[in-house]
C-alpha cells in the first residue's frame, strides 16, 4: 500500500484518534505524561469537531460552492460531457438525512440531464474496475442507456483509478476525437480537485457539478451543533478532498 493510500485512512477522525491514543499510552508508560495527555486531548477534539455537522457544512461548503450548480439548460454548450466515477456520500441528496433512493444525487443522472438538454452530443464515462469486476465506466454506460442516452453517444474510458488518471486518459479521447471543450461532471465536493487536474488538458473544461449535498437540511429538530455518528463517518470524504488537493498540488498534478 502506497503512502497516498495510507494517509487518507490515517487522517480519518476515528483512525487518527486511535493512533494518537496508542502513542499516548506508550508515552505514559515512559513517563511523558504531559505529552500523553496532550495527544489524548487532540484525539478527542478531532473526533468531536468532525462529529458536529457545523464543521462539515463549513469545510465541505468551501469546496462545494467553488463551482456553482446550474440547472441543465443553463450550462453552456460543449462538444462532450465527461463523467467521473464515484458515489460521494452514497449519492445521498443530503448528507445529514437518511438515504432516500427516490431522491439521490447521482453523477450519471446529472450527465443524462445535460445530454437531454442538448448541452453536448457525446458522453465520456471514466473509471476502471476497482475490484476486478465490471468497470465504473461500463456501469455508468448501462445506467445512461436506461436513462434514454443511446449507446452510440457514449464512450468508455476504463483504465483510470484516480482523478489524475481520469484526466490523463480522458485527454487521449479528447485529442483523438478532436474535441476542444467539454463539460465535467462529478460531485460538487470533488469538483475543485477535478478542475485543478483537468485544467491541465489541451481542451477547455467547464465545471458542471452535481447539486451540493453538504447543506443544512430542513428537518425539524436538526441541530448543526449536535454530534452524531453519521456526520463523523461521512466527514472522511471532506478530509480526503482537502488532503487530495494538497497532495496533487505538492506533486504538481494540479
C-alpha atoms as a PDB file:
ATOM      1  CA  UNK A   1       0.000   0.000   0.000  1.00  0.00           C
ATOM      2  CA  UNK A   2       1.408   3.414  -1.013  1.00  0.00           C
ATOM      3  CA  UNK A   3       1.758   6.495   1.185  1.00  0.00           C
ATOM      4  CA  UNK A   4      -1.028   8.233  -0.762  1.00  0.00           C
ATOM      5  CA  UNK A   5      -3.339   5.341   0.140  1.00  0.00           C
ATOM      6  CA  UNK A   6      -2.301   5.223   3.802  1.00  0.00           C
ATOM      7  CA  UNK A   7      -2.607   8.948   4.556  1.00  0.00           C
ATOM      8  CA  UNK A   8      -6.363   9.268   3.840  1.00  0.00           C
ATOM      9  CA  UNK A   9      -7.018   6.291   6.119  1.00  0.00           C
ATOM     10  CA  UNK A  10      -4.780   7.603   8.893  1.00  0.00           C
ATOM     11  CA  UNK A  11      -6.319  11.070   8.992  1.00  0.00           C
ATOM     12  CA  UNK A  12      -9.905   9.733   9.228  1.00  0.00           C
ATOM     13  CA  UNK A  13     -11.057  11.010  12.661  1.00  0.00           C
ATOM     14  CA  UNK A  14     -11.545   7.627  14.348  1.00  0.00           C
ATOM     15  CA  UNK A  15      -8.331   6.148  12.897  1.00  0.00           C
ATOM     16  CA  UNK A  16      -6.276   9.189  13.853  1.00  0.00           C
ATOM     17  CA  UNK A  17      -7.756   9.189  17.358  1.00  0.00           C
ATOM     18  CA  UNK A  18      -6.843   5.517  17.808  1.00  0.00           C
ATOM     19  CA  UNK A  19      -3.291   6.120  16.563  1.00  0.00           C
ATOM     20  CA  UNK A  20      -2.831   9.118  18.868  1.00  0.00           C
ATOM     21  CA  UNK A  21      -4.281   7.224  21.830  1.00  0.00           C
ATOM     22  CA  UNK A  22      -1.874   4.328  21.279  1.00  0.00           C
ATOM     23  CA  UNK A  23       1.002   6.803  21.073  1.00  0.00           C
ATOM     24  CA  UNK A  24      -0.238   8.469  24.265  1.00  0.00           C
ATOM     25  CA  UNK A  25      -0.293   5.145  26.092  1.00  0.00           C
ATOM     26  CA  UNK A  26       3.308   4.473  25.104  1.00  0.00           C
ATOM     27  CA  UNK A  27       4.368   7.948  26.208  1.00  0.00           C
ATOM     28  CA  UNK A  28       2.547   7.484  29.514  1.00  0.00           C
ATOM     29  CA  UNK A  29       4.462   4.257  30.144  1.00  0.00           C
ATOM     30  CA  UNK A  30       7.709   6.159  29.583  1.00  0.00           C
ATOM     31  CA  UNK A  31       6.564   8.899  32.000  1.00  0.00           C
ATOM     32  CA  UNK A  32       5.901  11.524  29.318  1.00  0.00           C
ATOM     33  CA  UNK A  33       2.537  12.197  30.884  1.00  0.00           C
ATOM     34  CA  UNK A  34       2.031  15.800  29.774  1.00  0.00           C
ATOM     35  CA  UNK A  35       2.682  14.891  26.149  1.00  0.00           C
ATOM     36  CA  UNK A  36       0.449  11.838  26.504  1.00  0.00           C
ATOM     37  CA  UNK A  37      -2.379  13.965  27.890  1.00  0.00           C
ATOM     38  CA  UNK A  38      -1.962  16.458  25.018  1.00  0.00           C
ATOM     39  CA  UNK A  39      -2.236  13.686  22.416  1.00  0.00           C
ATOM     40  CA  UNK A  40      -5.412  12.352  24.033  1.00  0.00           C
ATOM     41  CA  UNK A  41      -6.858  15.874  24.076  1.00  0.00           C
ATOM     42  CA  UNK A  42      -6.025  16.351  20.374  1.00  0.00           C
ATOM     43  CA  UNK A  43      -7.580  12.978  19.524  1.00  0.00           C
ATOM     44  CA  UNK A  44     -10.795  13.755  21.407  1.00  0.00           C
ATOM     45  CA  UNK A  45     -11.021  17.253  19.912  1.00  0.00           C
ATOM     46  CA  UNK A  46     -10.505  15.950  16.357  1.00  0.00           C
ATOM     47  CA  UNK A  47     -13.278  13.368  16.738  1.00  0.00           C
ATOM     48  CA  UNK A  48     -15.662  15.815  18.406  1.00  0.00           C
ATOM     49  CA  UNK A  49     -15.072  18.527  15.795  1.00  0.00           C
ATOM     50  CA  UNK A  50     -15.896  16.230  12.869  1.00  0.00           C
ATOM     51  CA  UNK A  51     -18.914  14.689  14.608  1.00  0.00           C
ATOM     52  CA  UNK A  52     -20.582  18.122  14.647  1.00  0.00           C
ATOM     53  CA  UNK A  53     -22.500  18.923  11.411  1.00  0.00           C
ATOM     54  CA  UNK A  54     -21.361  22.574  11.535  1.00  0.00           C
ATOM     55  CA  UNK A  55     -17.783  21.511  10.770  1.00  0.00           C
ATOM     56  CA  UNK A  56     -18.786  19.510   7.693  1.00  0.00           C
ATOM     57  CA  UNK A  57     -21.139  22.238   6.476  1.00  0.00           C
ATOM     58  CA  UNK A  58     -18.407  24.870   6.729  1.00  0.00           C
ATOM     59  CA  UNK A  59     -15.427  22.979   5.319  1.00  0.00           C
ATOM     60  CA  UNK A  60     -17.487  20.943   2.856  1.00  0.00           C
ATOM     61  CA  UNK A  61     -19.270  24.099   1.748  1.00  0.00           C
ATOM     62  CA  UNK A  62     -15.974  25.800   0.927  1.00  0.00           C
ATOM     63  CA  UNK A  63     -15.353  23.082  -1.645  1.00  0.00           C
ATOM     64  CA  UNK A  64     -18.914  22.564  -2.882  1.00  0.00           C
ATOM     65  CA  UNK A  65     -19.557  26.270  -3.530  1.00  0.00           C
ATOM     66  CA  UNK A  66     -16.331  26.755  -5.508  1.00  0.00           C
ATOM     67  CA  UNK A  67     -18.149  25.878  -8.756  1.00  0.00           C
ATOM     68  CA  UNK A  68     -21.854  26.807  -8.570  1.00  0.00           C
ATOM     69  CA  UNK A  69     -24.521  24.323  -9.555  1.00  0.00           C
ATOM     70  CA  UNK A  70     -26.651  25.311 -12.557  1.00  0.00           C
ATOM     71  CA  UNK A  71     -29.777  23.748 -13.971  1.00  0.00           C
ATOM     72  CA  UNK A  72     -29.001  21.607 -17.028  1.00  0.00           C
ATOM     73  CA  UNK A  73     -30.389  24.127 -19.515  1.00  0.00           C
ATOM     74  CA  UNK A  74     -28.298  26.936 -18.004  1.00  0.00           C
ATOM     75  CA  UNK A  75     -24.994  25.217 -18.736  1.00  0.00           C
ATOM     76  CA  UNK A  76     -23.125  26.217 -21.909  1.00  0.00           C
ATOM     77  CA  UNK A  77     -22.977  24.022 -24.999  1.00  0.00           C
ATOM     78  CA  UNK A  78     -19.913  21.826 -25.438  1.00  0.00           C
ATOM     79  CA  UNK A  79     -18.667  19.015 -27.642  1.00  0.00           C
ATOM     80  CA  UNK A  80     -18.703  16.374 -24.918  1.00  0.00           C
ATOM     81  CA  UNK A  81     -19.691  15.591 -21.335  1.00  0.00           C
ATOM     82  CA  UNK A  82     -17.101  13.860 -19.134  1.00  0.00           C
ATOM     83  CA  UNK A  83     -18.441  11.878 -16.156  1.00  0.00           C
ATOM     84  CA  UNK A  84     -16.102  10.680 -13.401  1.00  0.00           C
ATOM     85  CA  UNK A  85     -16.784   7.503 -11.457  1.00  0.00           C
ATOM     86  CA  UNK A  86     -17.624   7.666  -7.768  1.00  0.00           C
ATOM     87  CA  UNK A  87     -20.514   7.833  -5.331  1.00  0.00           C
ATOM     88  CA  UNK A  88     -19.797  10.678  -2.934  1.00  0.00           C
ATOM     89  CA  UNK A  89     -21.848  10.338   0.224  1.00  0.00           C
ATOM     90  CA  UNK A  90     -23.575   7.265  -1.197  1.00  0.00           C
ATOM     91  CA  UNK A  91     -25.374   9.603  -3.649  1.00  0.00           C
ATOM     92  CA  UNK A  92     -27.440  10.964  -0.758  1.00  0.00           C
ATOM     93  CA  UNK A  93     -29.482  14.012  -1.675  1.00  0.00           C
ATOM     94  CA  UNK A  94     -28.367  15.464   1.655  1.00  0.00           C
ATOM     95  CA  UNK A  95     -25.587  14.095   3.846  1.00  0.00           C
ATOM     96  CA  UNK A  96     -27.496  14.697   7.060  1.00  0.00           C
ATOM     97  CA  UNK A  97     -30.681  12.880   6.068  1.00  0.00           C
ATOM     98  CA  UNK A  98     -31.347   9.124   5.764  1.00  0.00           C
ATOM     99  CA  UNK A  99     -30.750   7.648   2.315  1.00  0.00           C
ATOM    100  CA  UNK A 100     -33.874   8.073   0.175  1.00  0.00           C
ATOM    101  CA  UNK A 101     -33.470   6.137  -3.080  1.00  0.00           C
ATOM    102  CA  UNK A 102     -36.194   8.273  -4.634  1.00  0.00           C
ATOM    103  CA  UNK A 103     -34.056  11.395  -4.065  1.00  0.00           C
ATOM    104  CA  UNK A 104     -30.438  10.621  -4.939  1.00  0.00           C
ATOM    105  CA  UNK A 105     -27.737  12.924  -6.287  1.00  0.00           C
ATOM    106  CA  UNK A 106     -26.029  10.858  -8.981  1.00  0.00           C
ATOM    107  CA  UNK A 107     -23.294  11.918 -11.395  1.00  0.00           C
ATOM    108  CA  UNK A 108     -24.807   9.698 -14.083  1.00  0.00           C
ATOM    109  CA  UNK A 109     -28.253  11.265 -13.661  1.00  0.00           C
ATOM    110  CA  UNK A 110     -26.653  14.696 -13.976  1.00  0.00           C
ATOM    111  CA  UNK A 111     -24.883  13.702 -17.195  1.00  0.00           C
ATOM    112  CA  UNK A 112     -28.131  12.353 -18.659  1.00  0.00           C
ATOM    113  CA  UNK A 113     -29.901  15.626 -17.808  1.00  0.00           C
ATOM    114  CA  UNK A 114     -27.205  17.606 -19.614  1.00  0.00           C
ATOM    115  CA  UNK A 115     -27.382  15.305 -22.631  1.00  0.00           C
ATOM    116  CA  UNK A 116     -31.173  15.528 -22.889  1.00  0.00           C
ATOM    117  CA  UNK A 117     -30.881  19.317 -22.525  1.00  0.00           C
ATOM    118  CA  UNK A 118     -28.745  19.165 -25.697  1.00  0.00           C
ATOM    119  CA  UNK A 119     -25.650  20.544 -23.973  1.00  0.00           C
ATOM    120  CA  UNK A 120     -23.381  18.052 -25.811  1.00  0.00           C
ATOM    121  CA  UNK A 121     -23.814  15.113 -28.231  1.00  0.00           C
ATOM    122  CA  UNK A 122     -21.318  12.748 -26.559  1.00  0.00           C
ATOM    123  CA  UNK A 123     -20.812  11.448 -23.008  1.00  0.00           C
ATOM    124  CA  UNK A 124     -17.420  10.049 -21.953  1.00  0.00           C
ATOM    125  CA  UNK A 125     -17.649   7.890 -18.822  1.00  0.00           C
ATOM    126  CA  UNK A 126     -14.384   7.454 -16.936  1.00  0.00           C
ATOM    127  CA  UNK A 127     -13.476   4.850 -14.316  1.00  0.00           C
ATOM    128  CA  UNK A 128     -11.765   1.450 -14.057  1.00  0.00           C
ATOM    129  CA  UNK A 129     -12.853  -1.687 -12.221  1.00  0.00           C
ATOM    130  CA  UNK A 130     -11.586  -1.317  -8.645  1.00  0.00           C
ATOM    131  CA  UNK A 131     -12.485  -4.851  -7.591  1.00  0.00           C
ATOM    132  CA  UNK A 132     -11.627  -6.684 -10.777  1.00  0.00           C
ATOM    133  CA  UNK A 133     -15.259  -6.862 -11.884  1.00  0.00           C
ATOM    134  CA  UNK A 134     -17.266  -4.507 -14.069  1.00  0.00           C
ATOM    135  CA  UNK A 135     -15.622  -1.134 -14.565  1.00  0.00           C
ATOM    136  CA  UNK A 136     -17.263   2.013 -13.233  1.00  0.00           C
ATOM    137  CA  UNK A 137     -17.343   3.318 -16.800  1.00  0.00           C
ATOM    138  CA  UNK A 138     -19.305   0.309 -18.060  1.00  0.00           C
ATOM    139  CA  UNK A 139     -21.709   0.501 -15.137  1.00  0.00           C
ATOM    140  CA  UNK A 140     -22.334   4.189 -15.813  1.00  0.00           C
ATOM    141  CA  UNK A 141     -22.827   3.482 -19.527  1.00  0.00           C
ATOM    142  CA  UNK A 142     -25.530   0.924 -18.754  1.00  0.00           C
ATOM    143  CA  UNK A 143     -27.272   3.369 -16.434  1.00  0.00           C
ATOM    144  CA  UNK A 144     -27.109   6.121 -19.067  1.00  0.00           C
ATOM    145  CA  UNK A 145     -28.807   3.857 -21.584  1.00  0.00           C
ATOM    146  CA  UNK A 146     -31.552   3.169 -19.039  1.00  0.00           C
ATOM    147  CA  UNK A 147     -31.974   6.948 -18.822  1.00  0.00           C
ATOM    148  CA  UNK A 148     -32.501   7.205 -22.583  1.00  0.00           C
ATOM    149  CA  UNK A 149     -28.987   8.020 -23.800  1.00  0.00           C
ATOM    150  CA  UNK A 150     -28.240   5.982 -26.961  1.00  0.00           C
ATOM    151  CA  UNK A 151     -25.204   3.682 -26.932  1.00  0.00           C
ATOM    152  CA  UNK A 152     -23.611   5.489 -29.888  1.00  0.00           C
ATOM    153  CA  UNK A 153     -23.486   8.687 -27.798  1.00  0.00           C
ATOM    154  CA  UNK A 154     -21.422   7.041 -25.023  1.00  0.00           C
ATOM    155  CA  UNK A 155     -17.642   6.490 -24.995  1.00  0.00           C
ATOM    156  CA  UNK A 156     -15.902   4.429 -22.301  1.00  0.00           C
ATOM    157  CA  UNK A 157     -12.577   5.119 -20.585  1.00  0.00           C
ATOM    158  CA  UNK A 158     -11.971   2.060 -18.396  1.00  0.00           C
ATOM    159  CA  UNK A 159      -8.333   2.408 -17.298  1.00  0.00           C
ATOM    160  CA  UNK A 160      -8.324   5.172 -14.674  1.00  0.00           C
ATOM    161  CA  UNK A 161      -8.199   4.527 -10.921  1.00  0.00           C
ATOM    162  CA  UNK A 162      -7.570   8.095  -9.718  1.00  0.00           C
ATOM    163  CA  UNK A 163      -8.658  11.623 -10.584  1.00  0.00           C
ATOM    164  CA  UNK A 164      -5.274  12.265 -12.183  1.00  0.00           C
ATOM    165  CA  UNK A 165      -5.652   9.171 -14.367  1.00  0.00           C
ATOM    166  CA  UNK A 166      -9.210  10.256 -15.208  1.00  0.00           C
ATOM    167  CA  UNK A 167      -7.693  13.414 -16.657  1.00  0.00           C
ATOM    168  CA  UNK A 168      -4.739  11.792 -18.426  1.00  0.00           C
ATOM    169  CA  UNK A 169      -6.699   9.015 -20.121  1.00  0.00           C
ATOM    170  CA  UNK A 170      -9.691  11.190 -20.957  1.00  0.00           C
ATOM    171  CA  UNK A 171      -7.331  13.673 -22.593  1.00  0.00           C
ATOM    172  CA  UNK A 172      -6.344  10.939 -25.051  1.00  0.00           C
ATOM    173  CA  UNK A 173     -10.027  10.546 -26.002  1.00  0.00           C
ATOM    174  CA  UNK A 174     -10.466  14.276 -26.494  1.00  0.00           C
ATOM    175  CA  UNK A 175      -7.390  14.569 -28.714  1.00  0.00           C
ATOM    176  CA  UNK A 176      -8.340  11.507 -30.759  1.00  0.00           C
ATOM    177  CA  UNK A 177     -11.858  12.818 -31.346  1.00  0.00           C
ATOM    178  CA  UNK A 178     -10.747  16.414 -31.948  1.00  0.00           C
ATOM    179  CA  UNK A 179     -12.809  17.733 -29.045  1.00  0.00           C
ATOM    180  CA  UNK A 180     -11.942  21.265 -27.944  1.00  0.00           C
ATOM    181  CA  UNK A 181     -14.285  21.734 -24.987  1.00  0.00           C
ATOM    182  CA  UNK A 182     -16.209  19.552 -22.560  1.00  0.00           C
ATOM    183  CA  UNK A 183     -18.483  19.745 -19.541  1.00  0.00           C
ATOM    184  CA  UNK A 184     -17.054  17.953 -16.499  1.00  0.00           C
ATOM    185  CA  UNK A 185     -19.499  16.123 -14.224  1.00  0.00           C
ATOM    186  CA  UNK A 186     -18.585  14.971 -10.735  1.00  0.00           C
ATOM    187  CA  UNK A 187     -19.810  15.677  -7.213  1.00  0.00           C
ATOM    188  CA  UNK A 188     -19.658  19.281  -6.028  1.00  0.00           C
ATOM    189  CA  UNK A 189     -17.238  18.184  -3.278  1.00  0.00           C
ATOM    190  CA  UNK A 190     -14.867  16.528  -5.760  1.00  0.00           C
ATOM    191  CA  UNK A 191     -15.084  19.303  -8.381  1.00  0.00           C
ATOM    192  CA  UNK A 192     -12.283  21.616  -7.099  1.00  0.00           C
ATOM    193  CA  UNK A 193      -9.666  18.836  -7.267  1.00  0.00           C
ATOM    194  CA  UNK A 194     -11.063  17.594 -10.573  1.00  0.00           C
ATOM    195  CA  UNK A 195     -10.972  21.025 -12.190  1.00  0.00           C
ATOM    196  CA  UNK A 196      -7.471  21.688 -10.869  1.00  0.00           C
ATOM    197  CA  UNK A 197      -6.369  18.450 -12.548  1.00  0.00           C
ATOM    198  CA  UNK A 198      -8.407  18.656 -15.764  1.00  0.00           C
ATOM    199  CA  UNK A 199      -7.423  22.296 -16.327  1.00  0.00           C
ATOM    200  CA  UNK A 200      -4.052  20.955 -17.488  1.00  0.00           C
ATOM    201  CA  UNK A 201      -5.664  19.281 -20.508  1.00  0.00           C
ATOM    202  CA  UNK A 202      -5.474  20.742 -24.002  1.00  0.00           C
ATOM    203  CA  UNK A 203      -9.261  21.185 -24.138  1.00  0.00           C
ATOM    204  CA  UNK A 204     -11.366  23.788 -22.370  1.00  0.00           C
ATOM    205  CA  UNK A 205     -13.035  22.099 -19.394  1.00  0.00           C
ATOM    206  CA  UNK A 206     -16.232  23.572 -17.927  1.00  0.00           C
ATOM    207  CA  UNK A 207     -17.462  22.555 -14.469  1.00  0.00           C
ATOM    208  CA  UNK A 208     -20.993  21.113 -14.365  1.00  0.00           C
ATOM    209  CA  UNK A 209     -21.180  19.710 -10.817  1.00  0.00           C
ATOM    210  CA  UNK A 210     -23.921  17.646  -9.269  1.00  0.00           C
ATOM    211  CA  UNK A 211     -26.122  19.553  -6.834  1.00  0.00           C
ATOM    212  CA  UNK A 212     -24.384  20.193  -3.458  1.00  0.00           C
ATOM    213  CA  UNK A 213     -25.038  17.538  -0.822  1.00  0.00           C
ATOM    214  CA  UNK A 214     -23.485  19.055   2.305  1.00  0.00           C
ATOM    215  CA  UNK A 215     -26.159  21.568   3.203  1.00  0.00           C
ATOM    216  CA  UNK A 216     -28.299  22.140   6.277  1.00  0.00           C
ATOM    217  CA  UNK A 217     -31.495  20.084   5.856  1.00  0.00           C
ATOM    218  CA  UNK A 218     -34.955  21.412   6.568  1.00  0.00           C
ATOM    219  CA  UNK A 219     -35.528  18.643   9.090  1.00  0.00           C
ATOM    220  CA  UNK A 220     -37.386  19.524  12.263  1.00  0.00           C
ATOM    221  CA  UNK A 221     -35.141  19.253  15.291  1.00  0.00           C
ATOM    222  CA  UNK A 222     -31.890  19.157  13.321  1.00  0.00           C
ATOM    223  CA  UNK A 223     -29.036  20.984  15.040  1.00  0.00           C
ATOM    224  CA  UNK A 224     -25.685  21.796  13.454  1.00  0.00           C
ATOM    225  CA  UNK A 225     -24.117  21.583  16.929  1.00  0.00           C
ATOM    226  CA  UNK A 226     -25.396  18.152  17.930  1.00  0.00           C
ATOM    227  CA  UNK A 227     -22.697  15.475  17.414  1.00  0.00           C
ATOM    228  CA  UNK A 228     -23.745  12.292  15.647  1.00  0.00           C
ATOM    229  CA  UNK A 229     -22.076   9.179  14.281  1.00  0.00           C
ATOM    230  CA  UNK A 230     -23.280   9.566  10.687  1.00  0.00           C
ATOM    231  CA  UNK A 231     -21.701  13.014  10.385  1.00  0.00           C
ATOM    232  CA  UNK A 232     -18.441  11.714  11.831  1.00  0.00           C
ATOM    233  CA  UNK A 233     -18.382   8.782   9.416  1.00  0.00           C
ATOM    234  CA  UNK A 234     -19.191  10.944   6.370  1.00  0.00           C
ATOM    235  CA  UNK A 235     -16.527  13.518   7.205  1.00  0.00           C
ATOM    236  CA  UNK A 236     -13.828  11.276   5.742  1.00  0.00           C
ATOM    237  CA  UNK A 237     -14.857  12.354   2.225  1.00  0.00           C
ATOM    238  CA  UNK A 238     -14.285  16.034   3.071  1.00  0.00           C
ATOM    239  CA  UNK A 239     -10.940  15.321   4.727  1.00  0.00           C
ATOM    240  CA  UNK A 240      -9.911  13.166   1.757  1.00  0.00           C
ATOM    241  CA  UNK A 241     -10.594  16.037  -0.660  1.00  0.00           C
ATOM    242  CA  UNK A 242      -8.503  18.527   1.302  1.00  0.00           C
ATOM    243  CA  UNK A 243      -5.684  16.004   1.588  1.00  0.00           C
ATOM    244  CA  UNK A 244      -6.046  15.187  -2.110  1.00  0.00           C
ATOM    245  CA  UNK A 245      -5.814  18.848  -3.074  1.00  0.00           C
ATOM    246  CA  UNK A 246      -2.633  19.220  -1.037  1.00  0.00           C
ATOM    247  CA  UNK A 247      -1.037  16.060  -2.479  1.00  0.00           C
ATOM    248  CA  UNK A 248      -1.976  16.976  -6.066  1.00  0.00           C
ATOM    249  CA  UNK A 249      -0.597  20.495  -5.597  1.00  0.00           C
ATOM    250  CA  UNK A 250       2.574  19.187  -3.933  1.00  0.00           C
ATOM    251  CA  UNK A 251       3.214  16.699  -6.757  1.00  0.00           C
ATOM    252  CA  UNK A 252       2.465  19.239  -9.471  1.00  0.00           C
ATOM    253  CA  UNK A 253      -0.649  17.436 -10.715  1.00  0.00           C
ATOM    254  CA  UNK A 254      -2.988  20.390 -10.117  1.00  0.00           C
END
